[in-house]
């Protein structure tokens, strides 16, 4: 069902996004640190 052209386009879009993200390393680190904080605090707020 997947066409080779569409797969190549998806690969290029992902590659472009990664290159753009790596140009702004501070934005990447902010996102990673936010994810770590949320992942570590979620169990504290999710008590049954």
PDB file of N, CA and C in Angstrom:
ATOM      1  N   UNK A   1       0.810  -1.189   0.000  1.00  0.00           N
ATOM      2  CA  UNK A   1       0.000   0.000   0.000  1.00  0.00           C
ATOM      3  C   UNK A   1       0.862   1.266   0.000  1.00  0.00           C
ATOM      4  N   UNK A   2       2.083   1.182   0.540  1.00  0.00           N
ATOM      5  CA  UNK A   2       2.991   2.318   0.579  1.00  0.00           C
ATOM      6  C   UNK A   2       3.755   2.423  -0.741  1.00  0.00           C
ATOM      7  N   UNK A   3       3.838   3.632  -1.261  1.00  0.00           N
ATOM      8  CA  UNK A   3       4.558   3.857  -2.505  1.00  0.00           C
ATOM      9  C   UNK A   3       5.982   4.291  -2.200  1.00  0.00           C
ATOM     10  N   UNK A   4       6.947   3.843  -3.021  1.00  0.00           N
ATOM     11  CA  UNK A   4       8.351   4.203  -2.757  1.00  0.00           C
ATOM     12  C   UNK A   4       8.586   5.714  -2.759  1.00  0.00           C
ATOM     13  N   UNK A   5       7.886   6.448  -3.613  1.00  0.00           N
ATOM     14  CA  UNK A   5       8.057   7.902  -3.659  1.00  0.00           C
ATOM     15  C   UNK A   5       7.605   8.579  -2.377  1.00  0.00           C
ATOM     16  N   UNK A   6       6.517   8.083  -1.817  1.00  0.00           N
ATOM     17  CA  UNK A   6       6.000   8.664  -0.580  1.00  0.00           C
ATOM     18  C   UNK A   6       6.935   8.364   0.584  1.00  0.00           C
ATOM     19  N   UNK A   7       7.509   7.164   0.578  1.00  0.00           N
ATOM     20  CA  UNK A   7       8.441   6.783   1.638  1.00  0.00           C
ATOM     21  C   UNK A   7       9.710   7.633   1.569  1.00  0.00           C
ATOM     22  N   UNK A   8      10.185   7.890   0.367  1.00  0.00           N
ATOM     23  CA  UNK A   8      11.372   8.735   0.203  1.00  0.00           C
ATOM     24  C   UNK A   8      11.074  10.166   0.645  1.00  0.00           C
ATOM     25  N   UNK A   9       9.875  10.648   0.340  1.00  0.00           N
ATOM     26  CA  UNK A   9       9.500  12.001   0.755  1.00  0.00           C
ATOM     27  C   UNK A   9       9.420  12.091   2.276  1.00  0.00           C
ATOM     28  N   UNK A  10       8.846  11.094   2.905  1.00  0.00           N
ATOM     29  CA  UNK A  10       8.757  11.071   4.366  1.00  0.00           C
ATOM     30  C   UNK A  10      10.151  11.050   4.986  1.00  0.00           C
ATOM     31  N   UNK A  11      11.046  10.252   4.406  1.00  0.00           N
ATOM     32  CA  UNK A  11      12.423  10.171   4.907  1.00  0.00           C
ATOM     33  C   UNK A  11      13.116  11.531   4.804  1.00  0.00           C
ATOM     34  N   UNK A  12      12.905  12.242   3.698  1.00  0.00           N
ATOM     35  CA  UNK A  12      13.534  13.557   3.523  1.00  0.00           C
ATOM     36  C   UNK A  12      12.959  14.584   4.487  1.00  0.00           C
ATOM     37  N   UNK A  13      11.659  14.513   4.744  1.00  0.00           N
ATOM     38  CA  UNK A  13      11.047  15.440   5.694  1.00  0.00           C
ATOM     39  C   UNK A  13      11.601  15.206   7.095  1.00  0.00           C
ATOM     40  N   UNK A  14      11.726  13.956   7.485  1.00  0.00           N
ATOM     41  CA  UNK A  14      12.279  13.638   8.806  1.00  0.00           C
ATOM     42  C   UNK A  14      13.729  14.080   8.904  1.00  0.00           C
ATOM     43  N   UNK A  15      14.506  13.832   7.845  1.00  0.00           N
ATOM     44  CA  UNK A  15      15.906  14.250   7.840  1.00  0.00           C
ATOM     45  C   UNK A  15      16.025  15.771   7.944  1.00  0.00           C
ATOM     46  N   UNK A  16      15.180  16.494   7.220  1.00  0.00           N
ATOM     47  CA  UNK A  16      15.203  17.956   7.265  1.00  0.00           C
ATOM     48  C   UNK A  16      14.858  18.462   8.662  1.00  0.00           C
ATOM     49  N   UNK A  17      13.849  17.854   9.289  1.00  0.00           N
ATOM     50  CA  UNK A  17      13.455  18.275  10.635  1.00  0.00           C
ATOM     51  C   UNK A  17      14.557  18.022  11.651  1.00  0.00           C
ATOM     52  N   UNK A  18      15.248  16.898  11.520  1.00  0.00           N
ATOM     53  CA  UNK A  18      16.348  16.596  12.440  1.00  0.00           C
ATOM     54  C   UNK A  18      17.484  17.591  12.257  1.00  0.00           C
ATOM     55  N   UNK A  19      17.812  17.913  11.015  1.00  0.00           N
ATOM     56  CA  UNK A  19      18.884  18.883  10.753  1.00  0.00           C
ATOM     57  C   UNK A  19      18.510  20.250  11.321  1.00  0.00           C
ATOM     58  N   UNK A  20      17.257  20.665  11.128  1.00  0.00           N
ATOM     59  CA  UNK A  20      16.829  21.953  11.676  1.00  0.00           C
ATOM     60  C   UNK A  20      16.847  21.948  13.199  1.00  0.00           C
ATOM     61  N   UNK A  21      16.465  20.839  13.798  1.00  0.00           N
ATOM     62  CA  UNK A  21      16.471  20.756  15.264  1.00  0.00           C
ATOM     63  C   UNK A  21      17.891  20.795  15.802  1.00  0.00           C
ATOM     64  N   UNK A  22      18.822  20.169  15.117  1.00  0.00           N
ATOM     65  CA  UNK A  22      20.198  20.143  15.604  1.00  0.00           C
ATOM     66  C   UNK A  22      20.886  21.497  15.457  1.00  0.00           C
ATOM     67  N   UNK A  23      20.359  22.356  14.599  1.00  0.00           N
ATOM     68  CA  UNK A  23      20.926  23.704  14.488  1.00  0.00           C
ATOM     69  C   UNK A  23      20.640  24.525  15.734  1.00  0.00           C
ATOM     70  N   UNK A  24      19.532  24.236  16.370  1.00  0.00           N
ATOM     71  CA  UNK A  24      19.160  24.944  17.602  1.00  0.00           C
ATOM     72  C   UNK A  24      19.201  23.950  18.753  1.00  0.00           C
ATOM     73  N   UNK A  25      20.378  23.660  19.215  1.00  0.00           N
ATOM     74  CA  UNK A  25      20.556  22.646  20.261  1.00  0.00           C
ATOM     75  C   UNK A  25      19.885  23.042  21.572  1.00  0.00           C
ATOM     76  N   UNK A  26      19.804  24.314  21.855  1.00  0.00           N
ATOM     77  CA  UNK A  26      19.171  24.728  23.108  1.00  0.00           C
ATOM     78  C   UNK A  26      17.689  24.386  23.098  1.00  0.00           C
ATOM     79  N   UNK A  27      17.032  24.511  21.947  1.00  0.00           N
ATOM     80  CA  UNK A  27      15.619  24.137  21.854  1.00  0.00           C
ATOM     81  C   UNK A  27      15.441  22.641  22.057  1.00  0.00           C
ATOM     82  N   UNK A  28      16.359  21.861  21.512  1.00  0.00           N
ATOM     83  CA  UNK A  28      16.280  20.407  21.680  1.00  0.00           C
ATOM     84  C   UNK A  28      16.463  20.043  23.145  1.00  0.00           C
ATOM     85  N   UNK A  29      17.436  20.661  23.802  1.00  0.00           N
ATOM     86  CA  UNK A  29      17.686  20.356  25.211  1.00  0.00           C
ATOM     87  C   UNK A  29      16.516  20.789  26.093  1.00  0.00           C
ATOM     88  N   UNK A  30      15.891  21.914  25.770  1.00  0.00           N
ATOM     89  CA  UNK A  30      14.730  22.359  26.528  1.00  0.00           C
ATOM     90  C   UNK A  30      13.594  21.348  26.412  1.00  0.00           C
ATOM     91  N   UNK A  31      13.369  20.853  25.215  1.00  0.00           N
ATOM     92  CA  UNK A  31      12.319  19.856  25.003  1.00  0.00           C
ATOM     93  C   UNK A  31      12.627  18.563  25.743  1.00  0.00           C
ATOM     94  N   UNK A  32      13.862  18.120  25.687  1.00  0.00           N
ATOM     95  CA  UNK A  32      14.249  16.881  26.372  1.00  0.00           C
ATOM     96  C   UNK A  32      14.116  17.039  27.886  1.00  0.00           C
ATOM     97  N   UNK A  33      14.570  18.156  28.418  1.00  0.00           N
ATOM     98  CA  UNK A  33      14.460  18.384  29.861  1.00  0.00           C
ATOM     99  C   UNK A  33      13.002  18.477  30.300  1.00  0.00           C
ATOM    100  N   UNK A  34      12.158  19.099  29.489  1.00  0.00           N
ATOM    101  CA  UNK A  34      10.738  19.162  29.815  1.00  0.00           C
ATOM    102  C   UNK A  34      10.141  17.760  29.848  1.00  0.00           C
ATOM    103  N   UNK A  35      10.480  16.932  28.863  1.00  0.00           N
ATOM    104  CA  UNK A  35       9.979  15.565  28.819  1.00  0.00           C
ATOM    105  C   UNK A  35      10.428  14.783  30.048  1.00  0.00           C
ATOM    106  N   UNK A  36      11.677  14.943  30.448  1.00  0.00           N
ATOM    107  CA  UNK A  36      12.194  14.238  31.630  1.00  0.00           C
ATOM    108  C   UNK A  36      11.454  14.697  32.885  1.00  0.00           C
ATOM    109  N   UNK A  37      11.219  15.995  33.013  1.00  0.00           N
ATOM    110  CA  UNK A  37      10.501  16.496  34.186  1.00  0.00           C
ATOM    111  C   UNK A  37       9.076  15.969  34.238  1.00  0.00           C
ATOM    112  N   UNK A  38       8.380  15.990  33.109  1.00  0.00           N
ATOM    113  CA  UNK A  38       7.005  15.498  33.083  1.00  0.00           C
ATOM    114  C   UNK A  38       6.971  14.003  33.371  1.00  0.00           C
ATOM    115  N   UNK A  39       7.896  13.251  32.764  1.00  0.00           N
ATOM    116  CA  UNK A  39       7.915  11.797  32.968  1.00  0.00           C
ATOM    117  C   UNK A  39       8.240  11.448  34.418  1.00  0.00           C
ATOM    118  N   UNK A  40       9.062  12.253  35.074  1.00  0.00           N
ATOM    119  CA  UNK A  40       9.405  11.936  36.456  1.00  0.00           C
ATOM    120  C   UNK A  40       8.326  12.399  37.437  1.00  0.00           C
ATOM    121  N   UNK A  41       7.567  13.438  37.106  1.00  0.00           N
ATOM    122  CA  UNK A  41       6.530  13.941  38.008  1.00  0.00           C
ATOM    123  C   UNK A  41       5.174  13.275  37.799  1.00  0.00           C
ATOM    124  N   UNK A  42       4.965  12.661  36.655  1.00  0.00           N
ATOM    125  CA  UNK A  42       3.665  12.042  36.360  1.00  0.00           C
ATOM    126  C   UNK A  42       3.287  10.973  37.380  1.00  0.00           C
ATOM    127  N   UNK A  43       4.181  10.077  37.800  1.00  0.00           N
ATOM    128  CA  UNK A  43       3.783   9.083  38.786  1.00  0.00           C
ATOM    129  C   UNK A  43       3.361   9.700  40.129  1.00  0.00           C
ATOM    130  N   UNK A  44       3.910  10.844  40.476  1.00  0.00           N
ATOM    131  CA  UNK A  44       3.527  11.484  41.743  1.00  0.00           C
ATOM    132  C   UNK A  44       2.102  12.013  41.701  1.00  0.00           C
ATOM    133  N   UNK A  45       1.678  12.490  40.551  1.00  0.00           N
ATOM    134  CA  UNK A  45       0.339  13.046  40.426  1.00  0.00           C
ATOM    135  C   UNK A  45      -0.714  12.030  40.046  1.00  0.00           C
ATOM    136  N   UNK A  46      -0.294  10.856  39.715  1.00  0.00           N
ATOM    137  CA  UNK A  46      -1.237   9.843  39.221  1.00  0.00           C
ATOM    138  C   UNK A  46      -1.416   8.735  40.266  1.00  0.00           C
ATOM    139  N   UNK A  47      -1.938   9.117  41.417  1.00  0.00           N
ATOM    140  CA  UNK A  47      -2.166   8.139  42.482  1.00  0.00           C
ATOM    141  C   UNK A  47      -3.584   7.627  42.393  1.00  0.00           C
ATOM    142  N   UNK A  48      -3.750   6.357  42.687  1.00  0.00           N
ATOM    143  CA  UNK A  48      -5.087   5.770  42.655  1.00  0.00           C
ATOM    144  C   UNK A  48      -5.647   5.593  44.042  1.00  0.00           C
TER     145      UNK A  48
END
